[in-house]
Amino acid sequence: MIQSWTDDTWEEFEYWTEQDKKKLRQIKKLL
């Protein structure tokens, strides 16, 4: 499967990696 990210999406992902580890785990589950 090919996953592509927009610049905005990637910036949001990076924000969550730094700010909220619990939210990051939830996001990764969805991916």
PDB file of N, CA and C in Angstrom:
ATOM      1  N   MET A   1       0.843  -1.173   0.000  1.00  0.00           N
ATOM      2  CA  MET A   1       0.000   0.000   0.000  1.00  0.00           C
ATOM      3  C   MET A   1       0.893   1.243   0.000  1.00  0.00           C
ATOM      4  N   ILE A   2       0.545   2.180  -0.812  1.00  0.00           N
ATOM      5  CA  ILE A   2       1.283   3.438  -0.875  1.00  0.00           C
ATOM      6  C   ILE A   2       0.538   4.479  -0.042  1.00  0.00           C
ATOM      7  N   GLN A   3       1.263   5.085   0.858  1.00  0.00           N
ATOM      8  CA  GLN A   3       0.677   6.148   1.668  1.00  0.00           C
ATOM      9  C   GLN A   3       1.301   7.463   1.244  1.00  0.00           C
ATOM     10  N   SER A   4       0.474   8.433   1.034  1.00  0.00           N
ATOM     11  CA  SER A   4       1.011   9.748   0.691  1.00  0.00           C
ATOM     12  C   SER A   4       0.491  10.763   1.696  1.00  0.00           C
ATOM     13  N   TRP A   5       1.288  11.758   1.945  1.00  0.00           N
ATOM     14  CA  TRP A   5       0.975  12.773   2.935  1.00  0.00           C
ATOM     15  C   TRP A   5       1.017  14.146   2.275  1.00  0.00           C
ATOM     16  N   THR A   6       0.084  14.979   2.655  1.00  0.00           N
ATOM     17  CA  THR A   6       0.201  16.379   2.257  1.00  0.00           C
ATOM     18  C   THR A   6       1.147  17.042   3.247  1.00  0.00           C
ATOM     19  N   ASP A   7       1.652  18.189   2.898  1.00  0.00           N
ATOM     20  CA  ASP A   7       2.551  18.902   3.809  1.00  0.00           C
ATOM     21  C   ASP A   7       1.851  19.228   5.122  1.00  0.00           C
ATOM     22  N   ASP A   8       0.593  19.638   5.047  1.00  0.00           N
ATOM     23  CA  ASP A   8      -0.153  19.972   6.265  1.00  0.00           C
ATOM     24  C   ASP A   8      -0.339  18.749   7.156  1.00  0.00           C
ATOM     25  N   THR A   9      -0.642  17.638   6.543  1.00  0.00           N
ATOM     26  CA  THR A   9      -0.844  16.407   7.314  1.00  0.00           C
ATOM     27  C   THR A   9       0.432  16.001   8.022  1.00  0.00           C
ATOM     28  N   TRP A  10       1.535  16.090   7.322  1.00  0.00           N
ATOM     29  CA  TRP A  10       2.815  15.723   7.921  1.00  0.00           C
ATOM     30  C   TRP A  10       3.149  16.643   9.088  1.00  0.00           C
ATOM     31  N   GLU A  11       2.891  17.935   8.942  1.00  0.00           N
ATOM     32  CA  GLU A  11       3.151  18.881  10.030  1.00  0.00           C
ATOM     33  C   GLU A  11       2.292  18.556  11.247  1.00  0.00           C
ATOM     34  N   GLU A  12       1.040  18.183  11.024  1.00  0.00           N
ATOM     35  CA  GLU A  12       0.172  17.800  12.139  1.00  0.00           C
ATOM     36  C   GLU A  12       0.699  16.536  12.816  1.00  0.00           C
ATOM     37  N   PHE A  13       1.130  15.580  12.024  1.00  0.00           N
ATOM     38  CA  PHE A  13       1.677  14.347  12.580  1.00  0.00           C
ATOM     39  C   PHE A  13       2.904  14.646  13.439  1.00  0.00           C
ATOM     40  N   GLU A  14       3.780  15.486  12.944  1.00  0.00           N
ATOM     41  CA  GLU A  14       4.967  15.860  13.716  1.00  0.00           C
ATOM     42  C   GLU A  14       4.583  16.579  15.006  1.00  0.00           C
ATOM     43  N   TYR A  15       3.573  17.397  14.944  1.00  0.00           N
ATOM     44  CA  TYR A  15       3.103  18.081  16.153  1.00  0.00           C
ATOM     45  C   TYR A  15       2.692  17.051  17.204  1.00  0.00           C
ATOM     46  N   TRP A  16       1.906  16.060  16.798  1.00  0.00           N
ATOM     47  CA  TRP A  16       1.443  15.062  17.756  1.00  0.00           C
ATOM     48  C   TRP A  16       2.584  14.214  18.294  1.00  0.00           C
ATOM     49  N   THR A  17       3.599  13.975  17.486  1.00  0.00           N
ATOM     50  CA  THR A  17       4.727  13.187  17.981  1.00  0.00           C
ATOM     51  C   THR A  17       5.455  13.912  19.107  1.00  0.00           C
ATOM     52  N   GLU A  18       5.396  15.222  19.102  1.00  0.00           N
ATOM     53  CA  GLU A  18       6.086  16.010  20.124  1.00  0.00           C
ATOM     54  C   GLU A  18       5.195  16.375  21.302  1.00  0.00           C
ATOM     55  N   GLN A  19       3.899  16.489  21.089  1.00  0.00           N
ATOM     56  CA  GLN A  19       3.024  17.064  22.103  1.00  0.00           C
ATOM     57  C   GLN A  19       2.229  16.045  22.920  1.00  0.00           C
ATOM     58  N   ASP A  20       1.756  15.005  22.287  1.00  0.00           N
ATOM     59  CA  ASP A  20       0.803  14.136  22.974  1.00  0.00           C
ATOM     60  C   ASP A  20       1.015  12.684  22.543  1.00  0.00           C
ATOM     61  N   LYS A  21       1.748  11.943  23.345  1.00  0.00           N
ATOM     62  CA  LYS A  21       2.088  10.557  22.999  1.00  0.00           C
ATOM     63  C   LYS A  21       0.845   9.659  22.960  1.00  0.00           C
ATOM     64  N   LYS A  22      -0.111   9.917  23.813  1.00  0.00           N
ATOM     65  CA  LYS A  22      -1.330   9.112  23.816  1.00  0.00           C
ATOM     66  C   LYS A  22      -2.097   9.306  22.508  1.00  0.00           C
ATOM     67  N   LYS A  23      -2.229  10.537  22.085  1.00  0.00           N
ATOM     68  CA  LYS A  23      -2.907  10.830  20.823  1.00  0.00           C
ATOM     69  C   LYS A  23      -2.131  10.220  19.656  1.00  0.00           C
ATOM     70  N   LEU A  24      -0.827  10.266  19.727  1.00  0.00           N
ATOM     71  CA  LEU A  24       0.006   9.687  18.677  1.00  0.00           C
ATOM     72  C   LEU A  24      -0.261   8.188  18.539  1.00  0.00           C
ATOM     73  N   ARG A  25      -0.373   7.479  19.638  1.00  0.00           N
ATOM     74  CA  ARG A  25      -0.672   6.040  19.579  1.00  0.00           C
ATOM     75  C   ARG A  25      -2.013   5.797  18.898  1.00  0.00           C
ATOM     76  N   GLN A  26      -2.990   6.647  19.186  1.00  0.00           N
ATOM     77  CA  GLN A  26      -4.303   6.492  18.561  1.00  0.00           C
ATOM     78  C   GLN A  26      -4.219   6.730  17.054  1.00  0.00           C
ATOM     79  N   ILE A  27      -3.453   7.716  16.658  1.00  0.00           N
ATOM     80  CA  ILE A  27      -3.287   8.009  15.234  1.00  0.00           C
ATOM     81  C   ILE A  27      -2.607   6.840  14.536  1.00  0.00           C
ATOM     82  N   LYS A  28      -1.581   6.289  15.149  1.00  0.00           N
ATOM     83  CA  LYS A  28      -0.857   5.167  14.536  1.00  0.00           C
ATOM     84  C   LYS A  28      -1.750   3.941  14.388  1.00  0.00           C
ATOM     85  N   LYS A  29      -2.653   3.735  15.325  1.00  0.00           N
ATOM     86  CA  LYS A  29      -3.584   2.613  15.203  1.00  0.00           C
ATOM     87  C   LYS A  29      -4.462   2.764  13.968  1.00  0.00           C
ATOM     88  N   LEU A  30      -4.840   3.988  13.674  1.00  0.00           N
ATOM     89  CA  LEU A  30      -5.685   4.230  12.508  1.00  0.00           C
ATOM     90  C   LEU A  30      -4.937   4.013  11.200  1.00  0.00           C
ATOM     91  N   LEU A  31      -3.637   4.214  11.246  1.00  0.00           N
ATOM     92  CA  LEU A  31      -2.840   4.045  10.032  1.00  0.00           C
ATOM     93  C   LEU A  31      -2.560   2.588   9.803  1.00  0.00           C
TER      94      LEU A  31
END
